[in-house]
Amino acid sequence: MDKIESLKLRNPDALIREIGARLRRQRLAKGWTQQELADRSGISISTLKLMEHEGKGSLQRLAKVAVALGLDGELRFLFSDQRRYDSLDDVERTSRQRAPRKGRAAKKPTTSKKQDNQS
Protein backbone atom coordinates (compact mmCIF):
# COMPACT_ATOMS: atom_id res chain seq x y z
CA MET A 1 0.00 0.00 0.00
CA ASP A 2 1.40 3.39 -0.92
CA LYS A 3 1.71 6.28 1.51
CA ILE A 4 -1.15 8.29 0.03
CA GLU A 5 -3.57 5.39 0.36
CA SER A 6 -2.49 4.71 3.96
CA LEU A 7 -2.95 8.41 4.81
CA LYS A 8 -6.49 8.28 3.43
CA LEU A 9 -7.26 5.41 5.78
CA ARG A 10 -6.02 7.44 8.76
CA ASN A 11 -8.33 10.35 7.93
CA PRO A 12 -11.26 10.32 10.40
CA ASP A 13 -13.78 11.49 7.77
CA ALA A 14 -12.69 8.79 5.34
CA LEU A 15 -12.78 6.24 8.14
CA ILE A 16 -16.38 6.95 9.12
CA ARG A 17 -17.47 6.93 5.47
CA GLU A 18 -15.78 3.55 5.03
CA ILE A 19 -17.57 2.18 8.09
CA GLY A 20 -20.87 3.41 6.62
CA ALA A 21 -20.07 1.73 3.30
CA ARG A 22 -19.27 -1.50 5.11
CA LEU A 23 -22.59 -1.37 6.93
CA ARG A 24 -24.31 -0.92 3.58
CA ARG A 25 -22.47 -3.92 2.09
CA GLN A 26 -23.43 -6.05 5.09
CA ARG A 27 -27.07 -5.01 4.74
CA LEU A 28 -27.08 -5.80 1.02
CA ALA A 29 -25.38 -9.16 1.65
CA LYS A 30 -28.35 -10.06 3.86
CA GLY A 31 -30.75 -8.90 1.14
CA TRP A 32 -32.35 -6.29 3.38
CA THR A 33 -33.70 -2.93 2.35
CA GLN A 34 -32.75 0.18 4.28
CA GLN A 35 -36.26 0.26 5.74
CA GLU A 36 -35.93 -3.33 6.91
CA LEU A 37 -32.61 -2.70 8.66
CA ALA A 38 -33.93 0.53 10.18
CA ASP A 39 -36.94 -1.36 11.56
CA ARG A 40 -34.80 -4.23 12.89
CA SER A 41 -32.35 -1.88 14.59
CA GLY A 42 -34.92 0.58 15.94
CA ILE A 43 -33.51 3.65 14.23
CA SER A 44 -35.07 5.94 11.65
CA ILE A 45 -34.45 5.33 7.97
CA SER A 46 -33.05 8.85 7.60
CA THR A 47 -30.47 8.06 10.29
CA LEU A 48 -29.55 4.81 8.56
CA LYS A 49 -29.12 6.64 5.25
CA LEU A 50 -26.80 9.16 6.91
CA MET A 51 -24.80 6.31 8.45
CA GLU A 52 -24.43 4.43 5.18
CA HIS A 53 -23.70 7.38 2.92
CA GLU A 54 -21.79 9.80 5.16
CA GLY A 55 -20.79 7.72 8.16
CA LYS A 56 -22.71 10.05 10.44
CA GLY A 57 -24.51 8.81 13.53
CA SER A 58 -24.01 8.17 17.20
CA LEU A 59 -22.18 5.27 18.74
CA GLN A 60 -25.50 4.16 20.22
CA ARG A 61 -27.04 3.92 16.75
CA LEU A 62 -23.98 2.22 15.32
CA ALA A 63 -24.27 -0.42 18.05
CA LYS A 64 -27.97 -0.94 17.28
CA VAL A 65 -27.25 -1.46 13.58
CA ALA A 66 -24.32 -3.76 14.36
CA VAL A 67 -26.51 -5.91 16.61
CA ALA A 68 -29.24 -6.10 13.95
CA LEU A 69 -26.65 -7.16 11.36
CA GLY A 70 -25.04 -9.66 13.75
CA LEU A 71 -21.79 -7.66 13.85
CA ASP A 72 -21.80 -6.72 17.53
CA GLY A 73 -18.90 -9.10 18.15
CA GLU A 74 -16.79 -6.90 15.90
CA LEU A 75 -17.54 -3.88 18.08
CA ARG A 76 -16.79 -5.75 21.30
CA PHE A 77 -13.19 -6.29 20.20
CA LEU A 78 -12.68 -2.87 18.64
CA PHE A 79 -10.57 -1.46 21.47
CA SER A 80 -10.02 -4.59 23.51
CA ASP A 81 -6.66 -5.47 25.00
CA GLN A 82 -5.18 -7.80 22.44
CA ARG A 83 -1.80 -8.36 24.01
CA ARG A 84 -0.36 -11.82 23.98
CA TYR A 85 1.31 -13.10 27.10
CA ASP A 86 3.88 -15.85 27.25
CA SER A 87 3.24 -16.70 30.88
CA LEU A 88 1.18 -15.84 33.94
CA ASP A 89 4.19 -13.94 35.26
CA ASP A 90 3.92 -11.60 32.27
CA VAL A 91 0.24 -11.01 33.05
CA GLU A 92 0.99 -10.24 36.70
CA ARG A 93 3.76 -7.79 35.75
CA THR A 94 1.25 -5.77 33.71
CA SER A 95 -1.24 -5.46 36.54
CA ARG A 96 -2.94 -2.14 37.05
CA GLN A 97 -0.89 0.63 38.57
CA ARG A 98 -2.18 3.90 39.95
CA ALA A 99 -1.46 7.07 38.08
CA PRO A 100 0.06 9.92 40.09
CA ARG A 101 -2.49 12.27 41.59
CA LYS A 102 -2.98 15.50 39.78
CA GLY A 103 -2.40 18.82 41.47
CA ARG A 104 -0.36 17.49 44.33
CA ALA A 105 3.31 18.22 44.62
CA ALA A 106 5.53 15.35 45.53
CA LYS A 107 5.76 14.99 49.28
CA LYS A 108 9.05 16.15 50.71
CA PRO A 109 10.44 14.42 53.75
CA THR A 110 9.45 16.46 56.73
CA THR A 111 11.30 16.89 59.94
CA SER A 112 9.71 17.91 63.15
CA LYS A 113 10.42 21.34 64.61
CA LYS A 114 11.91 19.64 67.61
CA GLN A 115 14.55 17.96 65.45
CA ASP A 116 15.30 21.24 63.63
CA ASN A 117 15.85 23.10 66.91
CA GLN A 118 18.25 20.44 68.20
CA SER A 119 20.61 20.84 65.22
C-alpha atoms as a PDB file:
ATOM      1  CA  MET A   1       0.000   0.000   0.000  1.00  0.00           C
ATOM      2  CA  ASP A   2       1.397   3.389  -0.922  1.00  0.00           C
ATOM      3  CA  LYS A   3       1.709   6.282   1.513  1.00  0.00           C
ATOM      4  CA  ILE A   4      -1.152   8.291   0.029  1.00  0.00           C
ATOM      5  CA  GLU A   5      -3.573   5.386   0.361  1.00  0.00           C
ATOM      6  CA  SER A   6      -2.486   4.706   3.956  1.00  0.00           C
ATOM      7  CA  LEU A   7      -2.951   8.410   4.814  1.00  0.00           C
ATOM      8  CA  LYS A   8      -6.494   8.280   3.430  1.00  0.00           C
ATOM      9  CA  LEU A   9      -7.259   5.411   5.783  1.00  0.00           C
ATOM     10  CA  ARG A  10      -6.021   7.443   8.756  1.00  0.00           C
ATOM     11  CA  ASN A  11      -8.331  10.350   7.928  1.00  0.00           C
ATOM     12  CA  PRO A  12     -11.265  10.322  10.397  1.00  0.00           C
ATOM     13  CA  ASP A  13     -13.775  11.492   7.771  1.00  0.00           C
ATOM     14  CA  ALA A  14     -12.688   8.794   5.339  1.00  0.00           C
ATOM     15  CA  LEU A  15     -12.781   6.239   8.144  1.00  0.00           C
ATOM     16  CA  ILE A  16     -16.380   6.947   9.121  1.00  0.00           C
ATOM     17  CA  ARG A  17     -17.473   6.931   5.471  1.00  0.00           C
ATOM     18  CA  GLU A  18     -15.778   3.552   5.025  1.00  0.00           C
ATOM     19  CA  ILE A  19     -17.572   2.175   8.095  1.00  0.00           C
ATOM     20  CA  GLY A  20     -20.865   3.409   6.625  1.00  0.00           C
ATOM     21  CA  ALA A  21     -20.069   1.735   3.302  1.00  0.00           C
ATOM     22  CA  ARG A  22     -19.268  -1.505   5.110  1.00  0.00           C
ATOM     23  CA  LEU A  23     -22.592  -1.366   6.933  1.00  0.00           C
ATOM     24  CA  ARG A  24     -24.311  -0.918   3.579  1.00  0.00           C
ATOM     25  CA  ARG A  25     -22.468  -3.922   2.091  1.00  0.00           C
ATOM     26  CA  GLN A  26     -23.428  -6.048   5.092  1.00  0.00           C
ATOM     27  CA  ARG A  27     -27.069  -5.007   4.735  1.00  0.00           C
ATOM     28  CA  LEU A  28     -27.079  -5.804   1.016  1.00  0.00           C
ATOM     29  CA  ALA A  29     -25.379  -9.162   1.652  1.00  0.00           C
ATOM     30  CA  LYS A  30     -28.355 -10.062   3.857  1.00  0.00           C
ATOM     31  CA  GLY A  31     -30.745  -8.902   1.137  1.00  0.00           C
ATOM     32  CA  TRP A  32     -32.351  -6.292   3.384  1.00  0.00           C
ATOM     33  CA  THR A  33     -33.705  -2.928   2.353  1.00  0.00           C
ATOM     34  CA  GLN A  34     -32.752   0.182   4.283  1.00  0.00           C
ATOM     35  CA  GLN A  35     -36.261   0.259   5.739  1.00  0.00           C
ATOM     36  CA  GLU A  36     -35.934  -3.334   6.905  1.00  0.00           C
ATOM     37  CA  LEU A  37     -32.608  -2.696   8.661  1.00  0.00           C
ATOM     38  CA  ALA A  38     -33.928   0.528  10.176  1.00  0.00           C
ATOM     39  CA  ASP A  39     -36.939  -1.355  11.561  1.00  0.00           C
ATOM     40  CA  ARG A  40     -34.803  -4.231  12.887  1.00  0.00           C
ATOM     41  CA  SER A  41     -32.354  -1.884  14.586  1.00  0.00           C
ATOM     42  CA  GLY A  42     -34.915   0.580  15.941  1.00  0.00           C
ATOM     43  CA  ILE A  43     -33.510   3.650  14.226  1.00  0.00           C
ATOM     44  CA  SER A  44     -35.071   5.943  11.645  1.00  0.00           C
ATOM     45  CA  ILE A  45     -34.452   5.327   7.974  1.00  0.00           C
ATOM     46  CA  SER A  46     -33.046   8.848   7.600  1.00  0.00           C
ATOM     47  CA  THR A  47     -30.466   8.064  10.294  1.00  0.00           C
ATOM     48  CA  LEU A  48     -29.549   4.814   8.556  1.00  0.00           C
ATOM     49  CA  LYS A  49     -29.123   6.640   5.250  1.00  0.00           C
ATOM     50  CA  LEU A  50     -26.799   9.158   6.909  1.00  0.00           C
ATOM     51  CA  MET A  51     -24.797   6.312   8.453  1.00  0.00           C
ATOM     52  CA  GLU A  52     -24.428   4.428   5.182  1.00  0.00           C
ATOM     53  CA  HIS A  53     -23.695   7.380   2.923  1.00  0.00           C
ATOM     54  CA  GLU A  54     -21.792   9.803   5.157  1.00  0.00           C
ATOM     55  CA  GLY A  55     -20.787   7.720   8.156  1.00  0.00           C
ATOM     56  CA  LYS A  56     -22.712  10.048  10.444  1.00  0.00           C
ATOM     57  CA  GLY A  57     -24.507   8.812  13.531  1.00  0.00           C
ATOM     58  CA  SER A  58     -24.011   8.170  17.203  1.00  0.00           C
ATOM     59  CA  LEU A  59     -22.179   5.267  18.735  1.00  0.00           C
ATOM     60  CA  GLN A  60     -25.496   4.160  20.216  1.00  0.00           C
ATOM     61  CA  ARG A  61     -27.045   3.924  16.751  1.00  0.00           C
ATOM     62  CA  LEU A  62     -23.984   2.215  15.318  1.00  0.00           C
ATOM     63  CA  ALA A  63     -24.268  -0.419  18.051  1.00  0.00           C
ATOM     64  CA  LYS A  64     -27.969  -0.942  17.278  1.00  0.00           C
ATOM     65  CA  VAL A  65     -27.253  -1.459  13.580  1.00  0.00           C
ATOM     66  CA  ALA A  66     -24.316  -3.757  14.357  1.00  0.00           C
ATOM     67  CA  VAL A  67     -26.514  -5.907  16.613  1.00  0.00           C
ATOM     68  CA  ALA A  68     -29.237  -6.095  13.951  1.00  0.00           C
ATOM     69  CA  LEU A  69     -26.646  -7.165  11.355  1.00  0.00           C
ATOM     70  CA  GLY A  70     -25.044  -9.657  13.747  1.00  0.00           C
ATOM     71  CA  LEU A  71     -21.790  -7.665  13.854  1.00  0.00           C
ATOM     72  CA  ASP A  72     -21.804  -6.725  17.529  1.00  0.00           C
ATOM     73  CA  GLY A  73     -18.900  -9.102  18.152  1.00  0.00           C
ATOM     74  CA  GLU A  74     -16.788  -6.900  15.899  1.00  0.00           C
ATOM     75  CA  LEU A  75     -17.537  -3.878  18.085  1.00  0.00           C
ATOM     76  CA  ARG A  76     -16.788  -5.752  21.301  1.00  0.00           C
ATOM     77  CA  PHE A  77     -13.189  -6.293  20.200  1.00  0.00           C
ATOM     78  CA  LEU A  78     -12.676  -2.865  18.642  1.00  0.00           C
ATOM     79  CA  PHE A  79     -10.573  -1.464  21.473  1.00  0.00           C
ATOM     80  CA  SER A  80     -10.020  -4.593  23.509  1.00  0.00           C
ATOM     81  CA  ASP A  81      -6.664  -5.471  25.000  1.00  0.00           C
ATOM     82  CA  GLN A  82      -5.179  -7.804  22.441  1.00  0.00           C
ATOM     83  CA  ARG A  83      -1.799  -8.359  24.006  1.00  0.00           C
ATOM     84  CA  ARG A  84      -0.360 -11.816  23.982  1.00  0.00           C
ATOM     85  CA  TYR A  85       1.312 -13.095  27.098  1.00  0.00           C
ATOM     86  CA  ASP A  86       3.884 -15.848  27.250  1.00  0.00           C
ATOM     87  CA  SER A  87       3.244 -16.700  30.883  1.00  0.00           C
ATOM     88  CA  LEU A  88       1.176 -15.841  33.939  1.00  0.00           C
ATOM     89  CA  ASP A  89       4.193 -13.942  35.259  1.00  0.00           C
ATOM     90  CA  ASP A  90       3.917 -11.597  32.272  1.00  0.00           C
ATOM     91  CA  VAL A  91       0.241 -11.009  33.050  1.00  0.00           C
ATOM     92  CA  GLU A  92       0.995 -10.238  36.701  1.00  0.00           C
ATOM     93  CA  ARG A  93       3.758  -7.786  35.746  1.00  0.00           C
ATOM     94  CA  THR A  94       1.252  -5.772  33.710  1.00  0.00           C
ATOM     95  CA  SER A  95      -1.239  -5.456  36.540  1.00  0.00           C
ATOM     96  CA  ARG A  96      -2.937  -2.140  37.047  1.00  0.00           C
ATOM     97  CA  GLN A  97      -0.890   0.633  38.569  1.00  0.00           C
ATOM     98  CA  ARG A  98      -2.179   3.901  39.948  1.00  0.00           C
ATOM     99  CA  ALA A  99      -1.456   7.075  38.084  1.00  0.00           C
ATOM    100  CA  PRO A 100       0.058   9.918  40.087  1.00  0.00           C
ATOM    101  CA  ARG A 101      -2.486  12.272  41.594  1.00  0.00           C
ATOM    102  CA  LYS A 102      -2.976  15.501  39.775  1.00  0.00           C
ATOM    103  CA  GLY A 103      -2.403  18.821  41.470  1.00  0.00           C
ATOM    104  CA  ARG A 104      -0.364  17.490  44.331  1.00  0.00           C
ATOM    105  CA  ALA A 105       3.315  18.223  44.620  1.00  0.00           C
ATOM    106  CA  ALA A 106       5.531  15.347  45.527  1.00  0.00           C
ATOM    107  CA  LYS A 107       5.764  14.991  49.277  1.00  0.00           C
ATOM    108  CA  LYS A 108       9.051  16.149  50.712  1.00  0.00           C
ATOM    109  CA  PRO A 109      10.436  14.422  53.748  1.00  0.00           C
ATOM    110  CA  THR A 110       9.451  16.460  56.732  1.00  0.00           C
ATOM    111  CA  THR A 111      11.304  16.894  59.936  1.00  0.00           C
ATOM    112  CA  SER A 112       9.713  17.910  63.154  1.00  0.00           C
ATOM    113  CA  LYS A 113      10.419  21.344  64.607  1.00  0.00           C
ATOM    114  CA  LYS A 114      11.912  19.645  67.605  1.00  0.00           C
ATOM    115  CA  GLN A 115      14.548  17.960  65.447  1.00  0.00           C
ATOM    116  CA  ASP A 116      15.304  21.243  63.627  1.00  0.00           C
ATOM    117  CA  ASN A 117      15.850  23.098  66.907  1.00  0.00           C
ATOM    118  CA  GLN A 118      18.255  20.440  68.199  1.00  0.00           C
ATOM    119  CA  SER A 119      20.609  20.842  65.217  1.00  0.00           C
END
